[in-house]
Amino acid sequence: MKAKFSPYLTKIAPGLKDLIARLGNSYDYVSVLATDSVGFRMSASQKVKSISGNTLSVERGNVVRVYKDGLYSEYAFNLFDVSKADEQAEKIKKVLDSQLAVLKATNSKVYNTDKLADEPHELFAEMETTDLPEDADLDELIKKLKSISDRGKALSDEIIDCSVSAESNHICKMFLSANRDLRQSYVYSCAHVFMVGTRDGKTDQAFIGISDREGPAIFEQLEDLPEKCYEDLAANLGAEHVIPGEYDVITTPEVSGLIAHEAFGHGVEMDMFVKKRALGQEYIGKRVGSDLVTMHEGALVCKDASSYAFDDEGTLAGDVIEIDKGILKTGVCDALAALRLGTVATGNGKRENFEHKVYTRMTNTMFDSGTSTKEEMIASIKKGYLLSGFFSGMEDPKHWGIQCIIARGHEIIDGKLTGKVVAPVVLTGYVPDLLGSISMASTDYESFGSGMCGKGHKEWVKTVDGGPYLKCRARLG
């Protein structure tokens, strides 16, 4: 079925076009992003059941962007009366003019920026989905989650709690300007099983998630996850500490995705180039990885929770090759950063919601697959680890350092898994060294989109990452 576009946005579109025309008498560029997104989030554990109609993606509101004399300004509002576009225009103009006046009067340091292009384009995208979150039977779904939680808890006396969460969102966005009319509707869903357990005085945890650009029907996959989650938890509870050092390692697609996200995520978000805060800017056209490293970034790279038709600035979604056989070709950028850098916007301008400003943000960040099998990669290692699962990661874009907290490492000796597990594992290093050491990549290819990503300590958006199994040399501790 198709995810039907919002009737509310359709209703207010003529009024917003009128608003744009009226503001166009005073400004050189005017656009409006209008959103009407619904969804739910629910969770069940041994102690708590909760259902919420509020997720990070649920919103209804509008944001106006205008340009005049080298400066941009924005105004966000939620309620809009179609019959009072003239009054709304005057109110917005008064606020925006005062903002621009303050900047000029105080001689504030600003980025004088060219006017955005406004090439004519129309798009109406109702993407396919299994079902809609607004049609879900929430009472039955919460019972299902509680049943899965109960079954997970019953797997072992070692398990303290088993929490099961599910989220589904129907996103509707409309971007209007004098010459553009873009409308999109799509659904994404994600869920996870999270376990906490104890053994011999040691407490640990395990996590496994699912995601797709589909409806709540994907939650049927949760039935298969408790046993796998407990397998990971049991491995963590029986794990030893890793002896710090450099090792040959194989990363699962999930860990490969974490490395992609942290190594070439924020580090090549080109609004960081504008501020001279990313070392990656100095490496454009240079080698940053082995010949096996090709990386794509963009909403069209794969179908998952961060796959859309256009971004929050009305730039059509793309598939950007950031790294081509080890050579850093480009980063990704929002529209204003592109103007300031003299390059082209890539469809990566994203807002946390209509009240927040646009930043360059990741969508789907994926390593390309290779020609090896996982078994061939394991057989090639004399002494090392197969790294699986993760808890978190971070990077230092200014110096290109990376740190990934990996859930566990499975020991490999003489080309065979020994059954010994170390956990947790901290992978650190200098990004070009890490990617330069990649010597094998598998034919497998997976994406993961059950989490969120912040810009610094805030500005959370949905992102996806992944790739194949990778063999490389890494520093573990």
Protein backbone atom coordinates (compact mmCIF):
# COMPACT_ATOMS: atom_id res chain seq x y z
CA MET A 1 0.00 0.00 0.00
CA LYS A 2 1.01 3.61 -0.38
CA ALA A 3 1.57 5.92 2.58
CA LYS A 4 -1.10 8.53 1.83
CA PHE A 5 -0.05 12.18 1.95
CA SER A 6 -1.46 14.37 4.73
CA PRO A 7 -4.89 15.88 3.95
CA TYR A 8 -4.02 18.67 6.37
CA LEU A 9 -0.95 19.70 4.38
CA THR A 10 -2.95 19.50 1.17
CA LYS A 11 -5.53 21.81 2.72
CA ILE A 12 -3.07 24.49 3.85
CA ALA A 13 -0.89 24.38 0.71
CA PRO A 14 -2.79 27.17 -1.14
CA GLY A 15 -2.57 29.42 1.91
CA LEU A 16 1.15 28.77 2.30
CA LYS A 17 1.70 29.58 -1.38
CA ASP A 18 -0.18 32.83 -0.83
CA LEU A 19 2.03 33.51 2.20
CA ILE A 20 5.15 32.91 0.10
CA ALA A 21 3.91 35.29 -2.59
CA ARG A 22 3.22 38.04 -0.05
CA LEU A 23 6.60 37.64 1.63
CA GLY A 24 8.20 37.55 -1.81
CA ASN A 25 7.36 41.24 -2.16
CA SER A 26 9.85 41.99 0.64
CA TYR A 27 12.48 39.28 0.34
CA ASP A 28 14.58 37.87 -2.49
CA TYR A 29 13.95 34.24 -1.52
CA VAL A 30 11.14 32.61 0.49
CA SER A 31 10.48 28.97 1.27
CA VAL A 32 8.30 27.04 3.70
CA LEU A 33 8.78 23.55 5.09
CA ALA A 34 5.49 22.19 6.43
CA THR A 35 5.27 18.94 8.38
CA ASP A 36 2.45 16.74 9.62
CA SER A 37 3.85 13.51 11.03
CA VAL A 38 2.21 11.02 13.38
CA GLY A 39 3.40 7.91 15.16
CA PHE A 40 3.78 6.06 18.40
CA ARG A 41 6.36 4.56 20.69
CA MET A 42 5.75 1.77 23.17
CA SER A 43 7.76 -0.46 25.44
CA ALA A 44 7.23 -3.36 27.78
CA SER A 45 9.46 -4.87 30.42
CA GLN A 46 8.94 -6.90 33.56
CA LYS A 47 8.00 -3.80 35.54
CA VAL A 48 6.69 -1.21 33.09
CA LYS A 49 4.36 -1.00 30.09
CA SER A 50 4.04 2.31 28.25
CA ILE A 51 2.39 3.66 25.12
CA SER A 52 3.11 7.16 23.82
CA GLY A 53 1.81 9.03 20.80
CA ASN A 54 4.90 11.23 20.94
CA THR A 55 8.18 10.34 19.30
CA LEU A 56 11.01 12.53 18.09
CA SER A 57 9.43 12.46 14.61
CA VAL A 58 5.87 13.40 15.61
CA GLU A 59 5.22 17.04 14.73
CA ARG A 60 2.87 19.47 13.02
CA GLY A 61 4.22 22.87 12.09
CA ASN A 62 5.92 25.14 9.58
CA VAL A 63 9.15 27.04 9.20
CA VAL A 64 9.67 29.99 6.85
CA ARG A 65 13.13 30.81 5.51
CA VAL A 66 13.82 34.17 3.85
CA TYR A 67 16.84 35.84 2.25
CA LYS A 68 17.76 39.48 1.83
CA ASP A 69 21.06 41.40 1.49
CA GLY A 70 23.26 38.35 2.01
CA LEU A 71 21.49 37.20 5.17
CA TYR A 72 19.04 34.38 5.94
CA SER A 73 16.46 34.34 8.67
CA GLU A 74 13.79 31.87 9.79
CA TYR A 75 10.46 31.90 11.58
CA ALA A 76 8.70 28.78 12.92
CA PHE A 77 5.02 28.49 13.76
CA ASN A 78 2.56 25.65 14.24
CA LEU A 79 -0.95 27.04 13.72
CA PHE A 80 -1.85 28.42 10.30
CA ASP A 81 -5.15 29.91 9.21
CA VAL A 82 -5.45 29.69 5.42
CA SER A 83 -7.85 32.63 5.34
CA LYS A 84 -5.40 34.93 7.14
CA ALA A 85 -2.27 34.59 5.03
CA ASP A 86 -1.96 38.38 4.82
CA GLU A 87 -2.02 38.82 8.60
CA GLN A 88 0.44 35.93 9.04
CA ALA A 89 2.76 37.47 6.44
CA GLU A 90 2.82 40.82 8.24
CA LYS A 91 3.50 39.15 11.58
CA ILE A 92 6.33 37.08 10.14
CA LYS A 93 7.81 40.05 8.28
CA LYS A 94 7.88 42.12 11.45
CA VAL A 95 9.81 39.43 13.34
CA LEU A 96 12.20 38.65 10.49
CA ASP A 97 12.95 42.31 9.81
CA SER A 98 13.77 42.83 13.48
CA GLN A 99 16.16 39.86 13.40
CA LEU A 100 17.98 41.20 10.36
CA ALA A 101 18.08 44.70 11.84
CA VAL A 102 19.71 43.47 15.05
CA LEU A 103 22.41 41.66 13.08
CA LYS A 104 23.24 44.81 11.12
CA ALA A 105 23.00 47.20 14.07
CA THR A 106 25.33 45.13 16.25
CA ASN A 107 27.80 44.42 13.44
CA SER A 108 27.46 40.76 14.33
CA LYS A 109 29.82 38.41 12.55
CA VAL A 110 27.74 36.54 9.98
CA TYR A 111 28.26 34.45 6.90
CA ASN A 112 27.28 36.60 3.94
CA THR A 113 25.76 34.02 1.66
CA ASP A 114 24.44 34.01 -1.89
CA LYS A 115 20.78 33.49 -2.66
CA LEU A 116 19.58 29.91 -2.94
CA ALA A 117 18.63 28.78 -6.41
CA ASP A 118 14.92 28.17 -6.86
CA GLU A 119 14.76 25.93 -9.90
CA PRO A 120 11.20 24.88 -10.83
CA HIS A 121 10.38 21.38 -9.70
CA GLU A 122 7.33 19.41 -8.62
CA LEU A 123 7.38 16.08 -6.78
CA PHE A 124 4.67 14.01 -5.17
CA ALA A 125 5.96 10.85 -3.49
CA GLU A 126 3.72 8.44 -1.61
CA MET A 127 6.12 5.62 -0.81
CA GLU A 128 5.13 1.99 -0.46
CA THR A 129 4.67 0.56 3.03
CA THR A 130 3.32 -2.61 4.61
CA ASP A 131 0.86 -0.72 6.82
CA LEU A 132 0.41 2.57 8.71
CA PRO A 133 1.14 3.34 12.36
CA GLU A 134 -2.16 5.19 12.72
CA ASP A 135 -3.99 1.96 11.83
CA ALA A 136 -2.15 -0.23 14.36
CA ASP A 137 -4.03 -1.89 17.22
CA LEU A 138 -1.92 -0.50 20.05
CA ASP A 139 -3.59 -2.61 22.76
CA GLU A 140 -2.76 -5.81 20.89
CA LEU A 141 0.74 -4.59 20.11
CA ILE A 142 1.59 -3.79 23.72
CA LYS A 143 0.33 -7.25 24.70
CA LYS A 144 2.64 -8.70 22.08
CA LEU A 145 5.62 -6.76 23.43
CA LYS A 146 4.83 -7.86 26.99
CA SER A 147 4.59 -11.49 25.83
CA ILE A 148 7.99 -11.24 24.13
CA SER A 149 9.42 -9.64 27.28
CA ASP A 150 8.03 -12.47 29.41
CA ARG A 151 9.44 -15.08 27.06
CA GLY A 152 12.82 -13.38 27.07
CA LYS A 153 12.91 -13.19 30.87
CA ALA A 154 12.03 -16.89 31.13
CA LEU A 155 15.02 -17.94 29.04
CA SER A 156 17.33 -17.92 32.06
CA ASP A 157 17.48 -17.12 35.76
CA GLU A 158 20.48 -14.94 34.87
CA ILE A 159 18.21 -12.40 33.19
CA ILE A 160 17.20 -9.51 35.43
CA ASP A 161 14.97 -7.84 32.88
CA CYS A 162 14.04 -8.00 29.21
CA SER A 163 12.77 -4.76 27.70
CA VAL A 164 11.09 -4.68 24.29
CA SER A 165 10.47 -1.35 22.50
CA ALA A 166 8.78 -0.50 19.20
CA GLU A 167 8.35 2.77 17.31
CA SER A 168 6.58 3.61 14.06
CA ASN A 169 6.22 6.98 12.32
CA HIS A 170 4.28 8.24 9.31
CA ILE A 171 6.26 11.20 7.95
CA CYS A 172 4.56 13.80 5.75
CA LYS A 173 6.53 16.84 4.60
CA MET A 174 5.87 19.57 2.07
CA PHE A 175 8.46 22.03 0.76
CA LEU A 176 7.14 25.10 -1.05
CA SER A 177 8.82 28.11 -2.65
CA ALA A 178 7.99 30.40 -5.52
CA ASN A 179 8.98 27.69 -8.00
CA ARG A 180 9.04 24.42 -6.07
CA ASP A 181 6.29 22.18 -4.78
CA LEU A 182 7.64 18.99 -3.20
CA ARG A 183 5.51 16.60 -1.17
CA GLN A 184 6.44 13.27 0.37
CA SER A 185 4.87 10.65 2.61
CA TYR A 186 6.64 7.58 3.98
CA VAL A 187 6.66 5.31 7.01
CA TYR A 188 9.57 3.99 9.01
CA SER A 189 9.59 1.66 12.00
CA CYS A 190 12.24 0.39 14.38
CA ALA A 191 12.30 -1.84 17.44
CA HIS A 192 14.71 -3.54 19.80
CA VAL A 193 15.13 -6.10 22.55
CA PHE A 194 17.34 -5.09 25.47
CA MET A 195 18.42 -7.49 28.24
CA VAL A 196 20.21 -7.01 31.53
CA GLY A 197 21.61 -10.02 33.33
CA THR A 198 23.95 -11.10 36.11
CA ARG A 199 26.33 -14.00 36.73
CA ASP A 200 28.72 -14.52 39.62
CA GLY A 201 28.42 -10.91 40.75
CA LYS A 202 28.94 -9.51 37.24
CA THR A 203 26.16 -7.49 35.56
CA ASP A 204 26.06 -6.88 31.82
CA GLN A 205 23.67 -6.09 28.98
CA ALA A 206 22.87 -6.93 25.37
CA PHE A 207 20.90 -5.18 22.65
CA ILE A 208 19.54 -6.19 19.27
CA GLY A 209 17.44 -4.03 16.94
CA ILE A 210 15.51 -4.01 13.67
CA SER A 211 14.46 -1.19 11.33
CA ASP A 212 13.02 -0.55 7.89
CA ARG A 213 11.08 2.00 5.85
CA GLU A 214 7.96 -0.03 6.51
CA GLY A 215 5.03 -0.05 8.91
CA PRO A 216 4.41 -1.82 12.24
CA ALA A 217 4.26 -5.16 10.42
CA ILE A 218 8.04 -5.43 10.88
CA PHE A 219 7.44 -5.95 14.61
CA GLU A 220 6.65 -9.59 13.78
CA GLN A 221 10.44 -9.96 13.53
CA LEU A 222 10.71 -9.29 17.26
CA GLU A 223 9.55 -12.86 17.89
CA ASP A 224 12.95 -14.13 16.72
CA LEU A 225 15.09 -11.77 18.80
CA PRO A 226 14.94 -12.82 22.52
CA GLU A 227 16.97 -16.00 22.00
CA LYS A 228 19.61 -14.17 19.97
CA CYS A 229 19.74 -11.37 22.54
CA TYR A 230 20.25 -13.85 25.39
CA GLU A 231 22.99 -15.57 23.40
CA ASP A 232 24.81 -12.25 23.23
CA LEU A 233 24.13 -11.51 26.91
CA ALA A 234 25.44 -14.90 27.98
CA ALA A 235 28.60 -14.31 25.94
CA ASN A 236 29.10 -10.94 27.62
CA LEU A 237 28.56 -12.39 31.11
CA GLY A 238 31.17 -15.08 30.48
CA ALA A 239 33.65 -12.75 28.80
CA GLU A 240 37.14 -11.85 29.88
CA HIS A 241 38.96 -8.53 29.55
CA VAL A 242 40.85 -7.97 26.32
CA ILE A 243 44.60 -7.52 26.61
CA PRO A 244 45.22 -4.05 25.13
CA GLY A 245 47.09 -3.99 21.86
CA GLU A 246 46.84 -4.05 18.08
CA TYR A 247 45.03 -6.97 16.50
CA ASP A 248 43.76 -8.22 13.18
CA VAL A 249 39.99 -7.97 13.50
CA ILE A 250 36.85 -8.72 11.52
CA THR A 251 33.94 -6.36 12.05
CA THR A 252 30.36 -7.55 11.60
CA PRO A 253 28.17 -5.37 9.32
CA GLU A 254 26.77 -3.67 12.44
CA VAL A 255 30.24 -2.72 13.68
CA SER A 256 31.32 -1.77 10.15
CA GLY A 257 28.36 0.63 10.13
CA LEU A 258 29.43 2.15 13.43
CA ILE A 259 32.92 2.76 12.03
CA ALA A 260 31.43 4.29 8.86
CA HIS A 261 29.20 6.56 10.93
CA GLU A 262 31.94 7.71 13.28
CA ALA A 263 34.85 7.83 10.82
CA PHE A 264 33.08 9.46 7.88
CA GLY A 265 29.95 10.79 9.48
CA HIS A 266 30.41 14.07 11.32
CA GLY A 267 33.96 14.32 9.96
CA VAL A 268 32.72 14.99 6.43
CA GLU A 269 29.54 16.91 7.26
CA MET A 270 30.58 19.98 5.34
CA ASP A 271 29.03 22.59 7.61
CA MET A 272 32.04 21.58 9.72
CA PHE A 273 34.25 22.60 6.77
CA VAL A 274 32.74 26.09 6.82
CA LYS A 275 33.81 26.44 10.45
CA LYS A 276 37.25 24.85 9.84
CA ARG A 277 36.46 22.15 12.39
CA ALA A 278 37.11 19.01 10.36
CA LEU A 279 40.44 17.55 9.26
CA GLY A 280 38.64 15.76 6.43
CA GLN A 281 38.54 19.02 4.46
CA GLU A 282 42.31 18.76 3.94
CA TYR A 283 42.02 15.22 2.56
CA ILE A 284 39.64 15.79 -0.37
CA GLY A 285 41.26 14.08 -3.36
CA LYS A 286 43.69 12.18 -1.12
CA ARG A 287 43.90 8.59 0.06
CA VAL A 288 42.15 7.86 3.34
CA GLY A 289 41.70 4.10 3.03
CA SER A 290 42.74 1.00 1.12
CA ASP A 291 41.53 0.22 -2.40
CA LEU A 292 38.75 -1.88 -0.84
CA VAL A 293 37.16 1.15 0.82
CA THR A 294 34.25 2.67 -1.09
CA MET A 295 31.63 4.49 0.96
CA HIS A 296 28.24 5.86 -0.01
CA GLU A 297 26.14 8.41 1.87
CA GLY A 298 22.63 9.56 1.03
CA ALA A 299 18.92 8.94 1.40
CA LEU A 300 18.94 6.87 -1.81
CA VAL A 301 21.79 4.54 -0.79
CA CYS A 302 19.44 1.92 0.65
CA LYS A 303 15.86 1.49 1.88
CA ASP A 304 15.76 1.97 5.63
CA ALA A 305 14.62 4.39 8.30
CA SER A 306 16.50 7.39 6.87
CA SER A 307 15.47 7.01 3.22
CA TYR A 308 13.39 9.91 1.88
CA ALA A 309 12.66 11.77 -1.37
CA PHE A 310 13.93 15.25 -0.38
CA ASP A 311 15.54 16.87 2.63
CA ASP A 312 14.28 19.70 4.85
CA GLU A 313 15.59 22.37 2.45
CA GLY A 314 13.88 21.00 -0.63
CA THR A 315 17.02 19.36 -2.04
CA LEU A 316 16.29 16.06 -3.76
CA ALA A 317 17.72 12.97 -2.08
CA GLY A 318 21.01 11.65 -3.37
CA ASP A 319 23.57 8.86 -3.33
CA VAL A 320 26.99 10.42 -2.83
CA ILE A 321 30.21 8.42 -3.20
CA GLU A 322 32.28 9.92 -0.40
CA ILE A 323 35.20 7.51 -0.77
CA ASP A 324 36.03 5.79 -4.06
CA LYS A 325 38.55 2.95 -3.77
CA GLY A 326 40.27 4.65 -0.86
CA ILE A 327 40.24 8.22 -2.22
CA LEU A 328 38.13 10.80 -0.38
CA LYS A 329 36.07 12.45 -3.09
CA THR A 330 33.72 14.73 -1.17
CA GLY A 331 31.67 15.23 1.93
CA VAL A 332 27.94 15.89 2.22
CA CYS A 333 26.32 19.23 2.90
CA ASP A 334 23.17 21.23 3.44
CA ALA A 335 22.18 23.99 1.03
CA LEU A 336 23.63 26.98 2.89
CA ALA A 337 26.94 25.22 3.59
CA ALA A 338 27.11 24.36 -0.11
CA LEU A 339 26.71 28.03 -1.06
CA ARG A 340 29.42 29.07 1.39
CA LEU A 341 31.81 26.42 0.09
CA GLY A 342 31.01 26.86 -3.59
CA THR A 343 29.78 23.32 -4.02
CA VAL A 344 26.46 21.50 -4.55
CA ALA A 345 23.97 20.54 -1.84
CA THR A 346 23.67 16.76 -1.46
CA GLY A 347 20.25 16.35 0.17
CA ASN A 348 21.61 16.13 3.72
CA GLY A 349 20.00 19.23 5.25
CA LYS A 350 17.97 17.93 8.18
CA ARG A 351 16.11 19.47 11.13
CA GLU A 352 15.34 17.75 14.41
CA ASN A 353 11.90 19.27 13.91
CA PHE A 354 10.38 22.40 12.37
CA GLU A 355 11.46 24.54 15.35
CA HIS A 356 15.15 23.64 14.93
CA LYS A 357 17.65 24.95 12.40
CA VAL A 358 19.06 22.90 9.55
CA TYR A 359 22.38 21.16 9.93
CA THR A 360 24.28 18.89 7.57
CA ARG A 361 23.34 15.44 8.83
CA MET A 362 23.95 11.84 7.85
CA THR A 363 21.25 9.68 6.28
CA ASN A 364 22.44 6.21 5.16
CA THR A 365 26.22 5.84 5.54
CA MET A 366 27.38 2.53 4.07
CA PHE A 367 30.60 0.73 3.14
CA ASP A 368 30.41 -1.08 -0.20
CA SER A 369 30.62 -4.86 -0.15
CA GLY A 370 33.59 -6.87 -1.42
CA THR A 371 34.28 -10.34 -2.82
CA SER A 372 35.29 -12.41 0.22
CA THR A 373 33.21 -14.61 2.52
CA LYS A 374 33.13 -14.31 6.29
CA GLU A 375 34.63 -17.80 6.51
CA GLU A 376 37.57 -16.85 4.26
CA MET A 377 38.19 -13.78 6.40
CA ILE A 378 38.21 -15.76 9.65
CA ALA A 379 40.52 -18.36 8.12
CA SER A 380 43.01 -15.62 7.19
CA ILE A 381 43.61 -14.48 10.79
CA LYS A 382 46.45 -15.93 12.87
CA LYS A 383 45.43 -14.20 16.10
CA GLY A 384 42.65 -11.67 16.43
CA TYR A 385 38.95 -11.10 17.04
CA LEU A 386 35.56 -11.07 15.35
CA LEU A 387 33.91 -7.91 16.72
CA SER A 388 30.12 -7.88 17.08
CA GLY A 389 27.52 -5.60 18.62
CA PHE A 390 28.13 -2.09 19.89
CA PHE A 391 27.09 0.31 22.61
CA SER A 392 28.27 3.72 21.39
CA GLY A 393 30.84 5.64 19.39
CA MET A 394 32.32 9.08 18.94
CA GLU A 395 34.85 10.91 16.83
CA ASP A 396 37.00 14.00 16.89
CA PRO A 397 36.46 15.58 13.44
CA LYS A 398 39.20 18.15 14.04
CA HIS A 399 41.90 15.51 14.55
CA TRP A 400 40.15 12.47 13.00
CA GLY A 401 40.35 10.25 16.02
CA ILE A 402 37.73 7.57 16.51
CA GLN A 403 36.44 5.59 19.49
CA CYS A 404 33.93 2.76 19.23
CA ILE A 405 32.57 0.83 22.20
CA ILE A 406 32.08 -2.70 20.85
CA ALA A 407 29.88 -5.15 22.74
CA ARG A 408 32.18 -8.15 22.40
CA GLY A 409 35.09 -9.75 20.58
CA HIS A 410 35.17 -13.44 19.64
CA GLU A 411 38.73 -14.77 19.71
CA ILE A 412 40.24 -16.19 16.52
CA ILE A 413 43.38 -18.36 16.68
CA ASP A 414 44.94 -19.98 13.62
CA GLY A 415 41.92 -19.20 11.47
CA LYS A 416 39.30 -20.62 13.84
CA LEU A 417 36.93 -19.21 16.45
CA THR A 418 38.02 -20.57 19.84
CA GLY A 419 34.80 -19.81 21.71
CA LYS A 420 36.55 -17.34 24.01
CA VAL A 421 34.89 -13.93 24.28
CA VAL A 422 36.26 -10.60 25.50
CA ALA A 423 33.91 -7.76 26.48
CA PRO A 424 33.46 -4.89 26.28
CA VAL A 425 36.00 -3.82 23.67
CA VAL A 426 37.09 -0.24 22.99
CA LEU A 427 38.34 0.28 19.43
CA THR A 428 40.38 3.46 18.94
CA GLY A 429 42.64 4.91 16.29
CA TYR A 430 43.36 7.46 13.60
CA VAL A 431 40.78 7.16 10.83
CA PRO A 432 43.12 6.97 7.78
CA ASP A 433 45.23 4.32 9.56
CA LEU A 434 42.18 2.23 10.41
CA LEU A 435 40.61 2.41 6.94
CA GLY A 436 44.00 2.04 5.29
CA SER A 437 44.41 -1.33 6.98
CA ILE A 438 41.23 -2.83 5.50
CA SER A 439 42.37 -5.88 3.54
CA MET A 440 39.17 -7.87 2.97
CA ALA A 441 35.46 -7.13 2.60
CA SER A 442 32.63 -9.65 2.41
CA THR A 443 29.81 -10.03 -0.07
CA ASP A 444 27.33 -9.53 2.79
CA TYR A 445 25.67 -6.12 3.08
CA GLU A 446 23.29 -4.99 5.82
CA SER A 447 21.90 -1.68 7.10
CA PHE A 448 20.95 -0.77 10.66
CA GLY A 449 18.66 2.09 11.62
CA SER A 450 17.27 1.44 15.08
CA GLY A 451 19.17 4.32 16.71
CA MET A 452 19.48 8.09 16.56
CA CYS A 453 22.39 10.50 16.10
CA GLY A 454 23.04 13.83 17.77
CA LYS A 455 25.06 16.76 16.51
CA GLY A 456 27.31 17.41 19.46
CA HIS A 457 25.10 16.94 22.53
CA LYS A 458 21.81 17.78 20.81
CA GLU A 459 19.95 17.99 17.45
CA TRP A 460 18.83 14.35 17.26
CA VAL A 461 17.81 12.82 13.93
CA LYS A 462 17.28 9.34 12.52
CA THR A 463 20.34 7.87 10.79
CA VAL A 464 21.27 4.51 9.26
CA ASP A 465 24.64 2.85 8.69
CA GLY A 466 26.11 -0.51 7.79
CA GLY A 467 28.03 -2.43 5.16
CA PRO A 468 29.79 -5.81 4.88
CA TYR A 469 32.15 -7.73 7.16
CA LEU A 470 35.54 -5.99 7.06
CA LYS A 471 39.00 -7.25 7.96
CA CYS A 472 41.36 -4.61 9.28
CA ARG A 473 44.04 -3.84 11.87
CA ALA A 474 42.77 -2.09 14.98
CA ARG A 475 43.85 -0.95 18.42
CA LEU A 476 41.74 -2.60 21.11
CA GLY A 477 41.51 -1.95 24.82
